Amino acid sequence: MDTKIPTKPVKVMITTDDYEIQGHLHIKVGGYQSRLSDLLNSKDARFIPVTDAVYLQVNNPEGEPQHADTMIVRISSIKAVIPYPDEEKKAAEEYRSSGYEGNVKPKGWG
């Protein structure tokens, strides 16, 4: 049985002590854990997959960027995650269109 959880890719720049990584994080579509912050703050996750990753060693900025189809990054090593501007705007619009109205919970949230 092949069960897949629907996700959407969000293009980000990730900074760690050793690397700068550009790639895609995959967040769940709608509802629970549908934001980047939910993915990064999950108590159950210690690592996150980054797809279509291009990375460069911070201590060798003149080096050639490397590519990996999938890269596994330890969450505790992350210093910053920056969504690309268009991605952040699109995610915010989708979140608002899901029924979020400031401090009011969306319908069905009790």
PDB file of N, CA and C in Angstrom:
ATOM      1  N   MET A   1       0.846  -1.170   0.000  1.00  0.00           N
ATOM      2  CA  MET A   1       0.000   0.000   0.000  1.00  0.00           C
ATOM      3  C   MET A   1       0.898   1.241   0.000  1.00  0.00           C
ATOM      4  N   ASP A   2       0.684   2.096  -0.960  1.00  0.00           N
ATOM      5  CA  ASP A   2       1.492   3.306  -1.094  1.00  0.00           C
ATOM      6  C   ASP A   2       0.674   4.504  -0.630  1.00  0.00           C
ATOM      7  N   THR A   3       0.913   4.933   0.610  1.00  0.00           N
ATOM      8  CA  THR A   3       0.197   6.063   1.170  1.00  0.00           C
ATOM      9  C   THR A   3       1.124   7.262   1.212  1.00  0.00           C
ATOM     10  N   LYS A   4       0.711   8.339   0.556  1.00  0.00           N
ATOM     11  CA  LYS A   4       1.528   9.550   0.541  1.00  0.00           C
ATOM     12  C   LYS A   4       0.777  10.674   1.225  1.00  0.00           C
ATOM     13  N   ILE A   5       1.506  11.472   1.972  1.00  0.00           N
ATOM     14  CA  ILE A   5       0.951  12.662   2.597  1.00  0.00           C
ATOM     15  C   ILE A   5       1.170  13.812   1.631  1.00  0.00           C
ATOM     16  N   PRO A   6       0.095  14.517   1.243  1.00  0.00           N
ATOM     17  CA  PRO A   6       0.288  15.630   0.303  1.00  0.00           C
ATOM     18  C   PRO A   6       1.118  16.751   0.936  1.00  0.00           C
ATOM     19  N   THR A   7       2.120  17.199   0.201  1.00  0.00           N
ATOM     20  CA  THR A   7       2.972  18.292   0.662  1.00  0.00           C
ATOM     21  C   THR A   7       3.151  19.295  -0.465  1.00  0.00           C
ATOM     22  N   LYS A   8       3.643  20.471  -0.089  1.00  0.00           N
ATOM     23  CA  LYS A   8       4.000  21.458  -1.109  1.00  0.00           C
ATOM     24  C   LYS A   8       5.417  21.935  -0.827  1.00  0.00           C
ATOM     25  N   PRO A   9       6.216  22.089  -1.880  1.00  0.00           N
ATOM     26  CA  PRO A   9       7.593  22.551  -1.690  1.00  0.00           C
ATOM     27  C   PRO A   9       7.636  24.057  -1.472  1.00  0.00           C
ATOM     28  N   VAL A  10       8.515  24.481  -0.567  1.00  0.00           N
ATOM     29  CA  VAL A  10       8.745  25.895  -0.313  1.00  0.00           C
ATOM     30  C   VAL A  10      10.241  26.137  -0.494  1.00  0.00           C
ATOM     31  N   LYS A  11      10.598  27.006  -1.425  1.00  0.00           N
ATOM     32  CA  LYS A  11      12.013  27.292  -1.693  1.00  0.00           C
ATOM     33  C   LYS A  11      12.576  28.154  -0.574  1.00  0.00           C
ATOM     34  N   VAL A  12      13.709  27.710  -0.009  1.00  0.00           N
ATOM     35  CA  VAL A  12      14.303  28.393   1.138  1.00  0.00           C
ATOM     36  C   VAL A  12      15.823  28.485   1.011  1.00  0.00           C
ATOM     37  N   MET A  13      16.393  29.373   1.823  1.00  0.00           N
ATOM     38  CA  MET A  13      17.832  29.439   2.049  1.00  0.00           C
ATOM     39  C   MET A  13      18.025  29.043   3.505  1.00  0.00           C
ATOM     40  N   ILE A  14      18.868  28.039   3.740  1.00  0.00           N
ATOM     41  CA  ILE A  14      19.154  27.559   5.090  1.00  0.00           C
ATOM     42  C   ILE A  14      20.611  27.863   5.393  1.00  0.00           C
ATOM     43  N   THR A  15      20.857  28.405   6.579  1.00  0.00           N
ATOM     44  CA  THR A  15      22.217  28.687   7.015  1.00  0.00           C
ATOM     45  C   THR A  15      22.535  27.830   8.230  1.00  0.00           C
ATOM     46  N   THR A  16      23.683  27.145   8.182  1.00  0.00           N
ATOM     47  CA  THR A  16      24.200  26.402   9.330  1.00  0.00           C
ATOM     48  C   THR A  16      25.603  26.944   9.610  1.00  0.00           C
ATOM     49  N   ASP A  17      26.273  26.392  10.617  1.00  0.00           N
ATOM     50  CA  ASP A  17      27.649  26.823  10.886  1.00  0.00           C
ATOM     51  C   ASP A  17      28.566  26.516   9.708  1.00  0.00           C
ATOM     52  N   ASP A  18      28.293  25.429   8.996  1.00  0.00           N
ATOM     53  CA  ASP A  18      29.202  24.966   7.948  1.00  0.00           C
ATOM     54  C   ASP A  18      28.738  25.224   6.522  1.00  0.00           C
ATOM     55  N   TYR A  19      27.420  25.367   6.307  1.00  0.00           N
ATOM     56  CA  TYR A  19      26.896  25.440   4.940  1.00  0.00           C
ATOM     57  C   TYR A  19      25.845  26.524   4.763  1.00  0.00           C
ATOM     58  N   GLU A  20      25.744  26.986   3.527  1.00  0.00           N
ATOM     59  CA  GLU A  20      24.585  27.735   3.053  1.00  0.00           C
ATOM     60  C   GLU A  20      23.914  26.818   2.048  1.00  0.00           C
ATOM     61  N   ILE A  21      22.627  26.593   2.235  1.00  0.00           N
ATOM     62  CA  ILE A  21      21.888  25.617   1.438  1.00  0.00           C
ATOM     63  C   ILE A  21      20.668  26.288   0.825  1.00  0.00           C
ATOM     64  N   GLN A  22      20.525  26.143  -0.478  1.00  0.00           N
ATOM     65  CA  GLN A  22      19.301  26.551  -1.159  1.00  0.00           C
ATOM     66  C   GLN A  22      18.587  25.280  -1.575  1.00  0.00           C
ATOM     67  N   GLY A  23      17.298  25.231  -1.355  1.00  0.00           N
ATOM     68  CA  GLY A  23      16.553  24.043  -1.749  1.00  0.00           C
ATOM     69  C   GLY A  23      15.099  24.168  -1.357  1.00  0.00           C
ATOM     70  N   HIS A  24      14.425  23.033  -1.318  1.00  0.00           N
ATOM     71  CA  HIS A  24      13.002  23.016  -1.004  1.00  0.00           C
ATOM     72  C   HIS A  24      12.734  22.205   0.260  1.00  0.00           C
ATOM     73  N   LEU A  25      11.992  22.823   1.185  1.00  0.00           N
ATOM     74  CA  LEU A  25      11.427  22.096   2.312  1.00  0.00           C
ATOM     75  C   LEU A  25       9.996  21.764   1.919  1.00  0.00           C
ATOM     76  N   HIS A  26       9.481  20.672   2.434  1.00  0.00           N
ATOM     77  CA  HIS A  26       8.135  20.238   2.061  1.00  0.00           C
ATOM     78  C   HIS A  26       7.233  20.279   3.280  1.00  0.00           C
ATOM     79  N   ILE A  27       6.201  21.111   3.171  1.00  0.00           N
ATOM     80  CA  ILE A  27       5.271  21.256   4.287  1.00  0.00           C
ATOM     81  C   ILE A  27       3.940  20.615   3.902  1.00  0.00           C
ATOM     82  N   LYS A  28       3.198  20.209   4.922  1.00  0.00           N
ATOM     83  CA  LYS A  28       1.896  19.599   4.685  1.00  0.00           C
ATOM     84  C   LYS A  28       0.943  20.642   4.132  1.00  0.00           C
ATOM     85  N   VAL A  29      -0.014  20.179   3.353  1.00  0.00           N
ATOM     86  CA  VAL A  29      -0.981  21.067   2.729  1.00  0.00           C
ATOM     87  C   VAL A  29      -2.155  21.278   3.680  1.00  0.00           C
ATOM     88  N   GLY A  30      -2.361  22.535   4.104  1.00  0.00           N
ATOM     89  CA  GLY A  30      -3.506  22.891   4.942  1.00  0.00           C
ATOM     90  C   GLY A  30      -3.481  22.273   6.322  1.00  0.00           C
ATOM     91  N   GLY A  31      -4.101  22.941   7.268  1.00  0.00           N
ATOM     92  CA  GLY A  31      -4.285  22.401   8.606  1.00  0.00           C
ATOM     93  C   GLY A  31      -3.007  22.284   9.414  1.00  0.00           C
ATOM     94  N   TYR A  32      -2.968  21.265  10.244  1.00  0.00           N
ATOM     95  CA  TYR A  32      -1.880  21.037  11.187  1.00  0.00           C
ATOM     96  C   TYR A  32      -0.553  20.862  10.465  1.00  0.00           C
ATOM     97  N   GLN A  33       0.466  21.551  10.904  1.00  0.00           N
ATOM     98  CA  GLN A  33       1.834  21.526  10.369  1.00  0.00           C
ATOM     99  C   GLN A  33       1.912  21.985   8.922  1.00  0.00           C
ATOM    100  N   SER A  34       1.175  23.053   8.602  1.00  0.00           N
ATOM    101  CA  SER A  34       1.201  23.571   7.234  1.00  0.00           C
ATOM    102  C   SER A  34       2.065  24.827   7.096  1.00  0.00           C
ATOM    103  N   ARG A  35       2.897  25.111   8.127  1.00  0.00           N
ATOM    104  CA  ARG A  35       3.799  26.267   8.065  1.00  0.00           C
ATOM    105  C   ARG A  35       5.241  25.787   8.265  1.00  0.00           C
ATOM    106  N   LEU A  36       6.184  26.568   7.761  1.00  0.00           N
ATOM    107  CA  LEU A  36       7.597  26.220   7.963  1.00  0.00           C
ATOM    108  C   LEU A  36       7.935  26.138   9.444  1.00  0.00           C
ATOM    109  N   SER A  37       7.401  27.053  10.223  1.00  0.00           N
ATOM    110  CA  SER A  37       7.706  27.044  11.662  1.00  0.00           C
ATOM    111  C   SER A  37       7.215  25.763  12.320  1.00  0.00           C
ATOM    112  N   ASP A  38       6.089  25.213  11.861  1.00  0.00           N
ATOM    113  CA  ASP A  38       5.593  23.945  12.403  1.00  0.00           C
ATOM    114  C   ASP A  38       6.572  22.815  12.113  1.00  0.00           C
ATOM    115  N   LEU A  39       7.103  22.798  10.908  1.00  0.00           N
ATOM    116  CA  LEU A  39       8.065  21.767  10.516  1.00  0.00           C
ATOM    117  C   LEU A  39       9.330  21.853  11.365  1.00  0.00           C
ATOM    118  N   LEU A  40       9.844  23.060  11.559  1.00  0.00           N
ATOM    119  CA  LEU A  40      11.094  23.251  12.278  1.00  0.00           C
ATOM    120  C   LEU A  40      10.953  23.084  13.790  1.00  0.00           C
ATOM    121  N   ASN A  41       9.764  23.317  14.314  1.00  0.00           N
ATOM    122  CA  ASN A  41       9.540  23.221  15.758  1.00  0.00           C
ATOM    123  C   ASN A  41       8.938  21.886  16.194  1.00  0.00           C
ATOM    124  N   SER A  42       8.812  20.951  15.291  1.00  0.00           N
ATOM    125  CA  SER A  42       8.234  19.657  15.635  1.00  0.00           C
ATOM    126  C   SER A  42       9.076  18.957  16.698  1.00  0.00           C
ATOM    127  N   LYS A  43       8.424  18.487  17.747  1.00  0.00           N
ATOM    128  CA  LYS A  43       9.139  17.799  18.827  1.00  0.00           C
ATOM    129  C   LYS A  43       9.625  16.419  18.400  1.00  0.00           C
ATOM    130  N   ASP A  44       9.010  15.862  17.371  1.00  0.00           N
ATOM    131  CA  ASP A  44       9.350  14.514  16.929  1.00  0.00           C
ATOM    132  C   ASP A  44      10.480  14.476  15.902  1.00  0.00           C
ATOM    133  N   ALA A  45      10.735  15.589  15.235  1.00  0.00           N
ATOM    134  CA  ALA A  45      11.722  15.602  14.153  1.00  0.00           C
ATOM    135  C   ALA A  45      13.078  16.102  14.623  1.00  0.00           C
ATOM    136  N   ARG A  46      14.128  15.383  14.239  1.00  0.00           N
ATOM    137  CA  ARG A  46      15.498  15.830  14.508  1.00  0.00           C
ATOM    138  C   ARG A  46      16.207  16.218  13.219  1.00  0.00           C
ATOM    139  N   PHE A  47      15.694  15.726  12.102  1.00  0.00           N
ATOM    140  CA  PHE A  47      16.272  15.989  10.788  1.00  0.00           C
ATOM    141  C   PHE A  47      15.150  16.363   9.824  1.00  0.00           C
ATOM    142  N   ILE A  48      15.494  17.164   8.808  1.00  0.00           N
ATOM    143  CA  ILE A  48      14.530  17.491   7.761  1.00  0.00           C
ATOM    144  C   ILE A  48      15.168  17.235   6.398  1.00  0.00           C
ATOM    145  N   PRO A  49      14.377  16.742   5.456  1.00  0.00           N
ATOM    146  CA  PRO A  49      14.890  16.575   4.100  1.00  0.00           C
ATOM    147  C   PRO A  49      14.791  17.884   3.319  1.00  0.00           C
ATOM    148  N   VAL A  50      15.827  18.187   2.581  1.00  0.00           N
ATOM    149  CA  VAL A  50      15.848  19.339   1.688  1.00  0.00           C
ATOM    150  C   VAL A  50      16.057  18.769   0.289  1.00  0.00           C
ATOM    151  N   THR A  51      15.121  19.045  -0.616  1.00  0.00           N
ATOM    152  CA  THR A  51      15.228  18.496  -1.963  1.00  0.00           C
ATOM    153  C   THR A  51      15.772  19.531  -2.933  1.00  0.00           C
ATOM    154  N   ASP A  52      16.345  19.030  -4.018  1.00  0.00           N
ATOM    155  CA  ASP A  52      16.952  19.872  -5.044  1.00  0.00           C
ATOM    156  C   ASP A  52      17.884  20.897  -4.398  1.00  0.00           C
ATOM    157  N   ALA A  53      18.765  20.397  -3.528  1.00  0.00           N
ATOM    158  CA  ALA A  53      19.631  21.246  -2.702  1.00  0.00           C
ATOM    159  C   ALA A  53      20.904  21.650  -3.441  1.00  0.00           C
ATOM    160  N   VAL A  54      21.234  22.917  -3.339  1.00  0.00           N
ATOM    161  CA  VAL A  54      22.516  23.444  -3.801  1.00  0.00           C
ATOM    162  C   VAL A  54      23.181  24.008  -2.554  1.00  0.00           C
ATOM    163  N   TYR A  55      24.394  23.532  -2.262  1.00  0.00           N
ATOM    164  CA  TYR A  55      25.033  23.943  -1.017  1.00  0.00           C
ATOM    165  C   TYR A  55      26.476  24.355  -1.254  1.00  0.00           C
ATOM    166  N   LEU A  56      26.928  25.236  -0.347  1.00  0.00           N
ATOM    167  CA  LEU A  56      28.274  25.781  -0.422  1.00  0.00           C
ATOM    168  C   LEU A  56      28.838  25.829   0.981  1.00  0.00           C
ATOM    169  N   GLN A  57      30.091  25.408   1.147  1.00  0.00           N
ATOM    170  CA  GLN A  57      30.729  25.476   2.459  1.00  0.00           C
ATOM    171  C   GLN A  57      31.010  26.932   2.812  1.00  0.00           C
ATOM    172  N   VAL A  58      30.623  27.327   4.019  1.00  0.00           N
ATOM    173  CA  VAL A  58      30.804  28.710   4.471  1.00  0.00           C
ATOM    174  C   VAL A  58      32.283  29.068   4.549  1.00  0.00           C
ATOM    175  N   ASN A  59      33.123  28.131   4.995  1.00  0.00           N
ATOM    176  CA  ASN A  59      34.553  28.424   5.142  1.00  0.00           C
ATOM    177  C   ASN A  59      35.315  28.345   3.819  1.00  0.00           C
ATOM    178  N   ASN A  60      34.621  28.076   2.711  1.00  0.00           N
ATOM    179  CA  ASN A  60      35.248  28.034   1.398  1.00  0.00           C
ATOM    180  C   ASN A  60      34.319  28.706   0.379  1.00  0.00           C
ATOM    181  N   PRO A  61      34.073  30.025   0.519  1.00  0.00           N
ATOM    182  CA  PRO A  61      33.115  30.698  -0.354  1.00  0.00           C
ATOM    183  C   PRO A  61      33.534  30.747  -1.823  1.00  0.00           C
ATOM    184  N   GLU A  62      34.810  30.530  -2.090  1.00  0.00           N
ATOM    185  CA  GLU A  62      35.285  30.520  -3.477  1.00  0.00           C
ATOM    186  C   GLU A  62      35.080  29.154  -4.130  1.00  0.00           C
ATOM    187  N   GLY A  63      34.696  28.153  -3.342  1.00  0.00           N
ATOM    188  CA  GLY A  63      34.500  26.805  -3.862  1.00  0.00           C
ATOM    189  C   GLY A  63      33.283  26.714  -4.763  1.00  0.00           C
ATOM    190  N   GLU A  64      33.199  25.609  -5.462  1.00  0.00           N
ATOM    191  CA  GLU A  64      32.079  25.371  -6.363  1.00  0.00           C
ATOM    192  C   GLU A  64      30.860  24.900  -5.575  1.00  0.00           C
ATOM    193  N   PRO A  65      29.690  25.462  -5.845  1.00  0.00           N
ATOM    194  CA  PRO A  65      28.476  24.942  -5.213  1.00  0.00           C
ATOM    195  C   PRO A  65      28.251  23.493  -5.627  1.00  0.00           C
ATOM    196  N   GLN A  66      27.753  22.701  -4.712  1.00  0.00           N
ATOM    197  CA  GLN A  66      27.468  21.284  -4.957  1.00  0.00           C
ATOM    198  C   GLN A  66      25.954  21.090  -5.008  1.00  0.00           C
ATOM    199  N   HIS A  67      25.515  20.004  -5.652  1.00  0.00           N
ATOM    200  CA  HIS A  67      24.083  19.712  -5.763  1.00  0.00           C
ATOM    201  C   HIS A  67      23.792  18.334  -5.188  1.00  0.00           C
ATOM    202  N   ALA A  68      22.646  18.223  -4.536  1.00  0.00           N
ATOM    203  CA  ALA A  68      22.155  16.928  -4.061  1.00  0.00           C
ATOM    204  C   ALA A  68      20.654  16.886  -4.317  1.00  0.00           C
ATOM    205  N   ASP A  69      20.177  15.768  -4.865  1.00  0.00           N
ATOM    206  CA  ASP A  69      18.736  15.630  -5.073  1.00  0.00           C
ATOM    207  C   ASP A  69      17.998  15.738  -3.746  1.00  0.00           C
ATOM    208  N   THR A  70      18.547  15.086  -2.717  1.00  0.00           N
ATOM    209  CA  THR A  70      17.984  15.159  -1.369  1.00  0.00           C
ATOM    210  C   THR A  70      19.124  15.267  -0.379  1.00  0.00           C
ATOM    211  N   MET A  71      18.983  16.188   0.551  1.00  0.00           N
ATOM    212  CA  MET A  71      19.979  16.401   1.595  1.00  0.00           C
ATOM    213  C   MET A  71      19.237  16.347   2.931  1.00  0.00           C
ATOM    214  N   ILE A  72      19.777  15.644   3.900  1.00  0.00           N
ATOM    215  CA  ILE A  72      19.165  15.548   5.215  1.00  0.00           C
ATOM    216  C   ILE A  72      19.926  16.487   6.151  1.00  0.00           C
ATOM    217  N   VAL A  73      19.198  17.435   6.776  1.00  0.00           N
ATOM    218  CA  VAL A  73      19.818  18.459   7.615  1.00  0.00           C
ATOM    219  C   VAL A  73      19.331  18.294   9.053  1.00  0.00           C
ATOM    220  N   ARG A  74      20.273  18.289   9.986  1.00  0.00           N
ATOM    221  CA  ARG A  74      19.917  18.210  11.405  1.00  0.00           C
ATOM    222  C   ARG A  74      19.331  19.551  11.832  1.00  0.00           C
ATOM    223  N   ILE A  75      18.141  19.536  12.376  1.00  0.00           N
ATOM    224  CA  ILE A  75      17.441  20.759  12.759  1.00  0.00           C
ATOM    225  C   ILE A  75      18.242  21.569  13.767  1.00  0.00           C
ATOM    226  N   SER A  76      18.900  20.908  14.709  1.00  0.00           N
ATOM    227  CA  SER A  76      19.648  21.639  15.741  1.00  0.00           C
ATOM    228  C   SER A  76      20.847  22.399  15.186  1.00  0.00           C
ATOM    229  N   SER A  77      21.284  22.080  13.975  1.00  0.00           N
ATOM    230  CA  SER A  77      22.426  22.788  13.385  1.00  0.00           C
ATOM    231  C   SER A  77      22.001  24.020  12.587  1.00  0.00           C
ATOM    232  N   ILE A  78      20.706  24.218  12.417  1.00  0.00           N
ATOM    233  CA  ILE A  78      20.206  25.334  11.607  1.00  0.00           C
ATOM    234  C   ILE A  78      20.266  26.638  12.391  1.00  0.00           C
ATOM    235  N   LYS A  79      20.845  27.658  11.755  1.00  0.00           N
ATOM    236  CA  LYS A  79      20.889  29.002  12.347  1.00  0.00           C
ATOM    237  C   LYS A  79      19.742  29.861  11.821  1.00  0.00           C
ATOM    238  N   ALA A  80      19.406  29.703  10.533  1.00  0.00           N
ATOM    239  CA  ALA A  80      18.338  30.508   9.935  1.00  0.00           C
ATOM    240  C   ALA A  80      17.725  29.769   8.757  1.00  0.00           C
ATOM    241  N   VAL A  81      16.428  29.968   8.571  1.00  0.00           N
ATOM    242  CA  VAL A  81      15.714  29.492   7.387  1.00  0.00           C
ATOM    243  C   VAL A  81      14.978  30.696   6.823  1.00  0.00           C
ATOM    244  N   ILE A  82      15.289  31.027   5.586  1.00  0.00           N
ATOM    245  CA  ILE A  82      14.691  32.201   4.971  1.00  0.00           C
ATOM    246  C   ILE A  82      13.939  31.762   3.720  1.00  0.00           C
ATOM    247  N   PRO A  83      12.598  31.862   3.737  1.00  0.00           N
ATOM    248  CA  PRO A  83      11.845  31.550   2.521  1.00  0.00           C
ATOM    249  C   PRO A  83      12.120  32.621   1.469  1.00  0.00           C
ATOM    250  N   TYR A  84      12.177  32.223   0.217  1.00  0.00           N
ATOM    251  CA  TYR A  84      12.324  33.212  -0.837  1.00  0.00           C
ATOM    252  C   TYR A  84      11.081  34.083  -0.829  1.00  0.00           C
ATOM    253  N   PRO A  85      11.205  35.396  -1.125  1.00  0.00           N
ATOM    254  CA  PRO A  85      10.092  36.337  -0.966  1.00  0.00           C
ATOM    255  C   PRO A  85       8.780  35.888  -1.606  1.00  0.00           C
ATOM    256  N   ASP A  86       8.813  35.401  -2.821  1.00  0.00           N
ATOM    257  CA  ASP A  86       7.577  34.971  -3.475  1.00  0.00           C
ATOM    258  C   ASP A  86       6.953  33.789  -2.747  1.00  0.00           C
ATOM    259  N   GLU A  87       7.781  32.886  -2.243  1.00  0.00           N
ATOM    260  CA  GLU A  87       7.288  31.715  -1.533  1.00  0.00           C
ATOM    261  C   GLU A  87       6.623  32.117  -0.222  1.00  0.00           C
ATOM    262  N   GLU A  88       7.239  33.043   0.496  1.00  0.00           N
ATOM    263  CA  GLU A  88       6.694  33.494   1.778  1.00  0.00           C
ATOM    264  C   GLU A  88       5.347  34.166   1.566  1.00  0.00           C
ATOM    265  N   LYS A  89       5.251  35.004   0.546  1.00  0.00           N
ATOM    266  CA  LYS A  89       3.996  35.700   0.248  1.00  0.00           C
ATOM    267  C   LYS A  89       2.910  34.701  -0.149  1.00  0.00           C
ATOM    268  N   LYS A  90       3.269  33.743  -0.996  1.00  0.00           N
ATOM    269  CA  LYS A  90       2.303  32.743  -1.435  1.00  0.00           C
ATOM    270  C   LYS A  90       1.800  31.907  -0.253  1.00  0.00           C
ATOM    271  N   ALA A  91       2.705  31.510   0.636  1.00  0.00           N
ATOM    272  CA  ALA A  91       2.324  30.718   1.803  1.00  0.00           C
ATOM    273  C   ALA A  91       1.399  31.516   2.717  1.00  0.00           C
ATOM    274  N   ALA A  92       1.691  32.805   2.909  1.00  0.00           N
ATOM    275  CA  ALA A  92       0.851  33.651   3.761  1.00  0.00           C
ATOM    276  C   ALA A  92      -0.541  33.815   3.160  1.00  0.00           C
ATOM    277  N   GLU A  93      -0.621  34.002   1.850  1.00  0.00           N
ATOM    278  CA  GLU A  93      -1.925  34.137   1.191  1.00  0.00           C
ATOM    279  C   GLU A  93      -2.737  32.857   1.310  1.00  0.00           C
ATOM    280  N   GLU A  94      -2.081  31.708   1.138  1.00  0.00           N
ATOM    281  CA  GLU A  94      -2.781  30.428   1.261  1.00  0.00           C
ATOM    282  C   GLU A  94      -3.272  30.216   2.688  1.00  0.00           C
ATOM    283  N   TYR A  95      -2.467  30.619   3.646  1.00  0.00           N
ATOM    284  CA  TYR A  95      -2.846  30.463   5.049  1.00  0.00           C
ATOM    285  C   TYR A  95      -4.065  31.329   5.357  1.00  0.00           C
ATOM    286  N   ARG A  96      -4.039  32.589   4.902  1.00  0.00           N
ATOM    287  CA  ARG A  96      -5.179  33.485   5.135  1.00  0.00           C
ATOM    288  C   ARG A  96      -6.436  32.968   4.445  1.00  0.00           C
ATOM    289  N   SER A  97      -6.280  32.437   3.234  1.00  0.00           N
ATOM    290  CA  SER A  97      -7.458  31.953   2.501  1.00  0.00           C
ATOM    291  C   SER A  97      -8.040  30.685   3.122  1.00  0.00           C
ATOM    292  N   SER A  98      -7.305  30.058   4.040  1.00  0.00           N
ATOM    293  CA  SER A  98      -7.811  28.852   4.693  1.00  0.00           C
ATOM    294  C   SER A  98      -8.814  29.177   5.792  1.00  0.00           C
ATOM    295  N   GLY A  99      -9.053  30.473   6.051  1.00  0.00           N
ATOM    296  CA  GLY A  99     -10.034  30.860   7.047  1.00  0.00           C
ATOM    297  C   GLY A  99      -9.445  31.540   8.256  1.00  0.00           C
ATOM    298  N   TYR A 100      -8.145  31.742   8.290  1.00  0.00           N
ATOM    299  CA  TYR A 100      -7.497  32.405   9.426  1.00  0.00           C
ATOM    300  C   TYR A 100      -7.849  33.881   9.429  1.00  0.00           C
ATOM    301  N   GLU A 101      -8.274  34.398  10.576  1.00  0.00           N
ATOM    302  CA  GLU A 101      -8.615  35.817  10.707  1.00  0.00           C
ATOM    303  C   GLU A 101      -8.001  36.363  11.985  1.00  0.00           C
ATOM    304  N   GLY A 102      -6.734  36.647  11.968  1.00  0.00           N
ATOM    305  CA  GLY A 102      -6.056  37.176  13.158  1.00  0.00           C
ATOM    306  C   GLY A 102      -6.082  36.186  14.298  1.00  0.00           C
ATOM    307  N   ASN A 103      -6.595  36.594  15.450  1.00  0.00           N
ATOM    308  CA  ASN A 103      -6.630  35.721  16.623  1.00  0.00           C
ATOM    309  C   ASN A 103      -7.835  34.782  16.638  1.00  0.00           C
ATOM    310  N   VAL A 104      -8.671  34.852  15.606  1.00  0.00           N
ATOM    311  CA  VAL A 104      -9.843  33.993  15.541  1.00  0.00           C
ATOM    312  C   VAL A 104      -9.447  32.678  14.897  1.00  0.00           C
ATOM    313  N   LYS A 105      -9.843  31.570  15.501  1.00  0.00           N
ATOM    314  CA  LYS A 105      -9.511  30.258  14.960  1.00  0.00           C
ATOM    315  C   LYS A 105     -10.361  29.986  13.718  1.00  0.00           C
ATOM    316  N   PRO A 106      -9.779  29.324  12.701  1.00  0.00           N
ATOM    317  CA  PRO A 106     -10.554  28.963  11.521  1.00  0.00           C
ATOM    318  C   PRO A 106     -11.710  28.031  11.898  1.00  0.00           C
ATOM    319  N   LYS A 107     -12.713  28.008  11.042  1.00  0.00           N
ATOM    320  CA  LYS A 107     -13.870  27.146  11.291  1.00  0.00           C
ATOM    321  C   LYS A 107     -13.420  25.708  11.495  1.00  0.00           C
ATOM    322  N   GLY A 108     -14.063  25.050  12.451  1.00  0.00           N
ATOM    323  CA  GLY A 108     -13.748  23.658  12.726  1.00  0.00           C
ATOM    324  C   GLY A 108     -12.633  23.465  13.740  1.00  0.00           C
ATOM    325  N   TRP A 109     -12.048  24.544  14.249  1.00  0.00           N
ATOM    326  CA  TRP A 109     -10.950  24.439  15.220  1.00  0.00           C
ATOM    327  C   TRP A 109     -11.449  24.506  16.657  1.00  0.00           C
ATOM    328  N   GLY A 110     -12.737  24.488  16.846  1.00  0.00           N
ATOM    329  CA  GLY A 110     -13.310  24.443  18.188  1.00  0.00           C
ATOM    330  C   GLY A 110     -13.586  25.716  18.819  1.00  0.00           C
TER     331      GLY A 110
END
